[in-house]
Amino acid sequence: MKIIAVLLSILFAAAQSLIAWYWSEVTVRQFESVFASMYGGVPAWSAVAFSIGPGWFFAPLLIGVFLIAALFNNNLRAYLGLVSLAACLITGLMVYAMYPIHLMLSVPV
């Protein structure tokens, strides 16, 4: 079970890194432009997420540091499931910032 938690943590950390890299200045401005044209403004969570900018690279970095520390410390291995859940939630929040489902569903087709 622990190996699954480790693999999930690595997978989500890689996804977070790719999303953070994808959020270059140009991409963020494009998202904000699309949100402004579709919804009249940038959704609150998207604005907060985009304002963090390169700070998003700390999440996968911390996950990696934890996984390396868990290799050497048996007590930390008990938290692998919690770390993989946190990694999943962070990735979900990053994706949600780009695609606010609650607003997309409220716009008539």
N, C-alpha and C. Protein backbone atom coordinates (compact mmCIF):
# COMPACT_ATOMS: atom_id res chain seq x y z
N MET A 1 0.82 -1.19 0.00
CA MET A 1 0.00 0.00 0.00
C MET A 1 0.87 1.26 0.00
N LYS A 2 1.99 1.18 0.70
CA LYS A 2 2.86 2.35 0.77
C LYS A 2 3.47 2.67 -0.59
N ILE A 3 3.74 1.64 -1.37
CA ILE A 3 4.33 1.88 -2.69
C ILE A 3 3.33 2.61 -3.59
N ILE A 4 2.05 2.31 -3.43
CA ILE A 4 1.03 3.01 -4.21
C ILE A 4 0.99 4.48 -3.81
N ALA A 5 1.06 4.75 -2.51
CA ALA A 5 1.06 6.14 -2.04
C ALA A 5 2.29 6.89 -2.56
N VAL A 6 3.42 6.23 -2.59
CA VAL A 6 4.64 6.86 -3.11
C VAL A 6 4.49 7.15 -4.60
N LEU A 7 3.99 6.17 -5.34
CA LEU A 7 3.82 6.37 -6.79
C LEU A 7 2.81 7.48 -7.09
N LEU A 8 1.71 7.51 -6.34
CA LEU A 8 0.73 8.58 -6.53
C LEU A 8 1.32 9.95 -6.20
N SER A 9 2.09 10.00 -5.13
CA SER A 9 2.73 11.27 -4.75
C SER A 9 3.67 11.75 -5.84
N ILE A 10 4.44 10.84 -6.39
CA ILE A 10 5.37 11.21 -7.47
C ILE A 10 4.59 11.66 -8.70
N LEU A 11 3.54 10.94 -9.04
CA LEU A 11 2.73 11.29 -10.20
C LEU A 11 2.09 12.68 -10.04
N PHE A 12 1.50 12.94 -8.89
CA PHE A 12 0.86 14.23 -8.67
C PHE A 12 1.89 15.36 -8.58
N ALA A 13 3.04 15.08 -8.00
CA ALA A 13 4.09 16.11 -7.94
C ALA A 13 4.58 16.45 -9.35
N ALA A 14 4.69 15.45 -10.20
CA ALA A 14 5.08 15.71 -11.59
C ALA A 14 4.01 16.53 -12.30
N ALA A 15 2.74 16.20 -12.07
CA ALA A 15 1.65 16.97 -12.68
C ALA A 15 1.66 18.42 -12.19
N GLN A 16 1.91 18.61 -10.91
CA GLN A 16 1.99 19.97 -10.36
C GLN A 16 3.13 20.75 -10.99
N SER A 17 4.25 20.10 -11.18
CA SER A 17 5.39 20.77 -11.80
C SER A 17 5.06 21.17 -13.23
N LEU A 18 4.41 20.29 -13.97
CA LEU A 18 4.04 20.61 -15.35
C LEU A 18 3.03 21.75 -15.41
N ILE A 19 2.05 21.75 -14.52
CA ILE A 19 1.06 22.83 -14.51
C ILE A 19 1.73 24.15 -14.13
N ALA A 20 2.59 24.13 -13.13
CA ALA A 20 3.28 25.35 -12.72
C ALA A 20 4.16 25.87 -13.85
N TRP A 21 4.81 24.99 -14.56
CA TRP A 21 5.62 25.41 -15.72
C TRP A 21 4.72 25.97 -16.81
N TYR A 22 3.56 25.34 -17.03
CA TYR A 22 2.62 25.78 -18.05
C TYR A 22 2.08 27.17 -17.76
N TRP A 23 1.98 27.51 -16.48
CA TRP A 23 1.47 28.82 -16.10
C TRP A 23 2.54 29.90 -16.23
N SER A 24 3.06 30.04 -17.41
CA SER A 24 3.97 31.16 -17.65
C SER A 24 3.14 32.43 -17.69
N GLU A 25 3.78 33.55 -17.76
CA GLU A 25 3.06 34.84 -17.78
C GLU A 25 2.07 34.91 -18.93
N VAL A 26 2.46 34.44 -20.09
CA VAL A 26 1.60 34.51 -21.27
C VAL A 26 0.35 33.64 -21.07
N THR A 27 0.54 32.46 -20.56
CA THR A 27 -0.57 31.54 -20.37
C THR A 27 -1.55 32.07 -19.34
N VAL A 28 -1.05 32.61 -18.26
CA VAL A 28 -1.93 33.15 -17.22
C VAL A 28 -2.74 34.31 -17.80
N ARG A 29 -2.11 35.18 -18.57
CA ARG A 29 -2.85 36.29 -19.17
C ARG A 29 -3.92 35.79 -20.13
N GLN A 30 -3.63 34.70 -20.84
CA GLN A 30 -4.63 34.13 -21.74
C GLN A 30 -5.83 33.57 -20.96
N PHE A 31 -5.55 32.86 -19.88
CA PHE A 31 -6.64 32.36 -19.05
C PHE A 31 -7.48 33.51 -18.50
N GLU A 32 -6.81 34.53 -17.99
CA GLU A 32 -7.54 35.68 -17.44
C GLU A 32 -8.38 36.36 -18.50
N SER A 33 -7.87 36.46 -19.72
CA SER A 33 -8.61 37.07 -20.82
C SER A 33 -9.85 36.25 -21.16
N VAL A 34 -9.70 34.95 -21.21
CA VAL A 34 -10.84 34.07 -21.51
C VAL A 34 -11.88 34.17 -20.40
N PHE A 35 -11.44 34.14 -19.15
CA PHE A 35 -12.38 34.25 -18.04
C PHE A 35 -13.11 35.59 -18.07
N ALA A 36 -12.39 36.65 -18.37
CA ALA A 36 -13.02 37.97 -18.42
C ALA A 36 -14.05 38.05 -19.54
N SER A 37 -13.76 37.44 -20.68
CA SER A 37 -14.72 37.50 -21.78
C SER A 37 -15.92 36.59 -21.55
N MET A 38 -15.73 35.47 -20.88
CA MET A 38 -16.83 34.52 -20.67
C MET A 38 -17.67 34.85 -19.44
N TYR A 39 -17.00 35.26 -18.35
CA TYR A 39 -17.69 35.41 -17.08
C TYR A 39 -17.70 36.85 -16.57
N GLY A 40 -17.06 37.75 -17.29
CA GLY A 40 -17.01 39.14 -16.85
C GLY A 40 -15.92 39.44 -15.85
N GLY A 41 -15.14 38.47 -15.50
CA GLY A 41 -14.04 38.64 -14.56
C GLY A 41 -13.37 37.32 -14.27
N VAL A 42 -12.27 37.38 -13.57
CA VAL A 42 -11.53 36.17 -13.22
C VAL A 42 -12.12 35.61 -11.92
N PRO A 43 -12.48 34.32 -11.88
CA PRO A 43 -12.98 33.73 -10.64
C PRO A 43 -11.97 33.89 -9.50
N ALA A 44 -12.49 33.99 -8.30
CA ALA A 44 -11.64 34.29 -7.14
C ALA A 44 -10.51 33.28 -6.97
N TRP A 45 -10.83 31.97 -7.00
CA TRP A 45 -9.77 30.99 -6.80
C TRP A 45 -8.74 31.05 -7.92
N SER A 46 -9.18 31.26 -9.15
CA SER A 46 -8.24 31.34 -10.26
C SER A 46 -7.30 32.52 -10.08
N ALA A 47 -7.84 33.65 -9.65
CA ALA A 47 -6.99 34.84 -9.43
C ALA A 47 -5.95 34.56 -8.35
N VAL A 48 -6.37 33.91 -7.28
CA VAL A 48 -5.43 33.59 -6.20
C VAL A 48 -4.37 32.60 -6.69
N ALA A 49 -4.82 31.56 -7.37
CA ALA A 49 -3.88 30.53 -7.85
C ALA A 49 -2.88 31.12 -8.83
N PHE A 50 -3.35 31.95 -9.74
CA PHE A 50 -2.44 32.54 -10.72
C PHE A 50 -1.49 33.54 -10.07
N SER A 51 -1.93 34.20 -9.00
CA SER A 51 -1.06 35.19 -8.35
C SER A 51 0.10 34.52 -7.60
N ILE A 52 -0.06 33.25 -7.24
CA ILE A 52 1.03 32.53 -6.56
C ILE A 52 2.21 32.33 -7.50
N GLY A 53 1.91 32.16 -8.77
CA GLY A 53 2.94 32.08 -9.81
C GLY A 53 3.96 30.98 -9.56
N PRO A 54 5.25 31.34 -9.59
CA PRO A 54 6.31 30.32 -9.41
C PRO A 54 6.31 29.68 -8.03
N GLY A 55 5.55 30.24 -7.10
CA GLY A 55 5.45 29.64 -5.77
C GLY A 55 4.86 28.24 -5.78
N TRP A 56 4.16 27.91 -6.87
CA TRP A 56 3.58 26.57 -6.99
C TRP A 56 4.66 25.49 -7.09
N PHE A 57 5.87 25.87 -7.46
CA PHE A 57 6.94 24.87 -7.55
C PHE A 57 7.35 24.34 -6.18
N PHE A 58 6.96 25.05 -5.10
CA PHE A 58 7.31 24.58 -3.77
C PHE A 58 6.52 23.34 -3.37
N ALA A 59 5.30 23.18 -3.89
CA ALA A 59 4.49 22.00 -3.53
C ALA A 59 5.17 20.71 -3.97
N PRO A 60 5.51 20.56 -5.26
CA PRO A 60 6.19 19.31 -5.63
C PRO A 60 7.57 19.17 -5.00
N LEU A 61 8.22 20.29 -4.74
CA LEU A 61 9.52 20.24 -4.08
C LEU A 61 9.38 19.69 -2.66
N LEU A 62 8.38 20.16 -1.93
CA LEU A 62 8.15 19.66 -0.58
C LEU A 62 7.74 18.19 -0.57
N ILE A 63 6.96 17.79 -1.56
CA ILE A 63 6.58 16.38 -1.66
C ILE A 63 7.82 15.52 -1.90
N GLY A 64 8.68 15.98 -2.80
CA GLY A 64 9.92 15.25 -3.06
C GLY A 64 10.81 15.15 -1.84
N VAL A 65 10.93 16.25 -1.10
CA VAL A 65 11.75 16.25 0.11
C VAL A 65 11.17 15.27 1.13
N PHE A 66 9.84 15.29 1.26
CA PHE A 66 9.21 14.35 2.19
C PHE A 66 9.48 12.90 1.78
N LEU A 67 9.34 12.60 0.49
CA LEU A 67 9.55 11.23 0.03
C LEU A 67 10.98 10.77 0.27
N ILE A 68 11.93 11.66 0.06
CA ILE A 68 13.33 11.31 0.32
C ILE A 68 13.56 11.10 1.81
N ALA A 69 12.97 11.98 2.63
CA ALA A 69 13.11 11.82 4.08
C ALA A 69 12.45 10.53 4.56
N ALA A 70 11.35 10.14 3.92
CA ALA A 70 10.65 8.91 4.32
C ALA A 70 11.48 7.66 4.00
N LEU A 71 12.40 7.79 3.05
CA LEU A 71 13.29 6.66 2.77
C LEU A 71 14.17 6.33 3.97
N PHE A 72 14.54 7.36 4.72
CA PHE A 72 15.49 7.19 5.81
C PHE A 72 14.85 7.17 7.20
N ASN A 73 13.56 7.53 7.28
CA ASN A 73 12.90 7.62 8.57
C ASN A 73 11.63 6.80 8.54
N ASN A 74 11.61 5.72 9.31
CA ASN A 74 10.44 4.84 9.32
C ASN A 74 9.20 5.53 9.87
N ASN A 75 9.36 6.47 10.78
CA ASN A 75 8.21 7.15 11.36
C ASN A 75 7.46 7.99 10.32
N LEU A 76 8.16 8.53 9.36
CA LEU A 76 7.51 9.35 8.33
C LEU A 76 6.69 8.52 7.35
N ARG A 77 7.03 7.26 7.23
CA ARG A 77 6.31 6.40 6.27
C ARG A 77 4.84 6.25 6.62
N ALA A 78 4.49 6.47 7.87
CA ALA A 78 3.09 6.38 8.28
C ALA A 78 2.26 7.49 7.64
N TYR A 79 2.90 8.56 7.19
CA TYR A 79 2.19 9.70 6.61
C TYR A 79 2.16 9.69 5.09
N LEU A 80 2.61 8.63 4.47
CA LEU A 80 2.64 8.58 3.01
C LEU A 80 1.25 8.72 2.39
N GLY A 81 0.26 8.10 2.97
CA GLY A 81 -1.10 8.21 2.46
C GLY A 81 -1.61 9.63 2.55
N LEU A 82 -1.33 10.29 3.66
CA LEU A 82 -1.75 11.68 3.85
C LEU A 82 -1.06 12.60 2.84
N VAL A 83 0.21 12.36 2.60
CA VAL A 83 0.94 13.18 1.63
C VAL A 83 0.41 12.96 0.22
N SER A 84 0.10 11.72 -0.13
CA SER A 84 -0.45 11.48 -1.47
C SER A 84 -1.83 12.11 -1.61
N LEU A 85 -2.63 12.11 -0.55
CA LEU A 85 -3.93 12.78 -0.59
C LEU A 85 -3.76 14.29 -0.75
N ALA A 86 -2.82 14.87 -0.02
CA ALA A 86 -2.55 16.30 -0.15
C ALA A 86 -2.06 16.64 -1.56
N ALA A 87 -1.21 15.79 -2.11
CA ALA A 87 -0.71 16.02 -3.48
C ALA A 87 -1.86 15.97 -4.48
N CYS A 88 -2.78 15.04 -4.27
CA CYS A 88 -3.95 14.94 -5.15
C CYS A 88 -4.82 16.19 -5.04
N LEU A 89 -5.06 16.66 -3.84
CA LEU A 89 -5.89 17.85 -3.64
C LEU A 89 -5.24 19.10 -4.24
N ILE A 90 -3.95 19.25 -4.07
CA ILE A 90 -3.24 20.40 -4.64
C ILE A 90 -3.33 20.37 -6.16
N THR A 91 -3.13 19.20 -6.74
CA THR A 91 -3.24 19.07 -8.20
C THR A 91 -4.66 19.40 -8.65
N GLY A 92 -5.64 18.90 -7.93
CA GLY A 92 -7.03 19.21 -8.25
C GLY A 92 -7.33 20.69 -8.19
N LEU A 93 -6.81 21.36 -7.18
CA LEU A 93 -7.01 22.81 -7.06
C LEU A 93 -6.34 23.57 -8.20
N MET A 94 -5.19 23.10 -8.62
CA MET A 94 -4.50 23.76 -9.73
C MET A 94 -5.29 23.59 -11.03
N VAL A 95 -5.82 22.40 -11.26
CA VAL A 95 -6.61 22.15 -12.46
C VAL A 95 -7.92 22.96 -12.39
N TYR A 96 -8.53 23.01 -11.21
CA TYR A 96 -9.78 23.74 -11.04
C TYR A 96 -9.59 25.24 -11.30
N ALA A 97 -8.42 25.76 -11.01
CA ALA A 97 -8.15 27.18 -11.28
C ALA A 97 -8.22 27.46 -12.78
N MET A 98 -7.87 26.49 -13.59
CA MET A 98 -7.91 26.69 -15.04
C MET A 98 -9.29 26.42 -15.61
N TYR A 99 -10.06 25.56 -14.97
CA TYR A 99 -11.37 25.16 -15.48
C TYR A 99 -12.40 25.20 -14.36
N PRO A 100 -12.92 26.40 -14.04
CA PRO A 100 -13.90 26.51 -12.93
C PRO A 100 -15.24 25.89 -13.33
N ILE A 101 -15.43 24.65 -12.94
CA ILE A 101 -16.60 23.87 -13.36
C ILE A 101 -17.90 24.56 -12.97
N HIS A 102 -17.96 25.15 -11.78
CA HIS A 102 -19.22 25.75 -11.35
C HIS A 102 -19.64 26.91 -12.27
N LEU A 103 -18.69 27.63 -12.82
CA LEU A 103 -19.03 28.70 -13.76
C LEU A 103 -19.30 28.15 -15.16
N MET A 104 -18.58 27.14 -15.55
CA MET A 104 -18.78 26.57 -16.87
C MET A 104 -20.18 25.96 -17.00
N LEU A 105 -20.66 25.35 -15.93
CA LEU A 105 -21.97 24.73 -15.97
C LEU A 105 -23.10 25.75 -15.93
N SER A 106 -22.82 26.95 -15.42
CA SER A 106 -23.87 27.95 -15.32
C SER A 106 -24.05 28.77 -16.60
N VAL A 107 -23.10 28.68 -17.53
CA VAL A 107 -23.20 29.43 -18.78
C VAL A 107 -24.04 28.63 -19.78
N PRO A 108 -25.10 29.22 -20.33
CA PRO A 108 -25.91 28.47 -21.30
C PRO A 108 -25.13 28.22 -22.58
N VAL A 109 -25.40 27.08 -23.19
CA VAL A 109 -24.69 26.69 -24.40
C VAL A 109 -25.26 27.37 -25.61
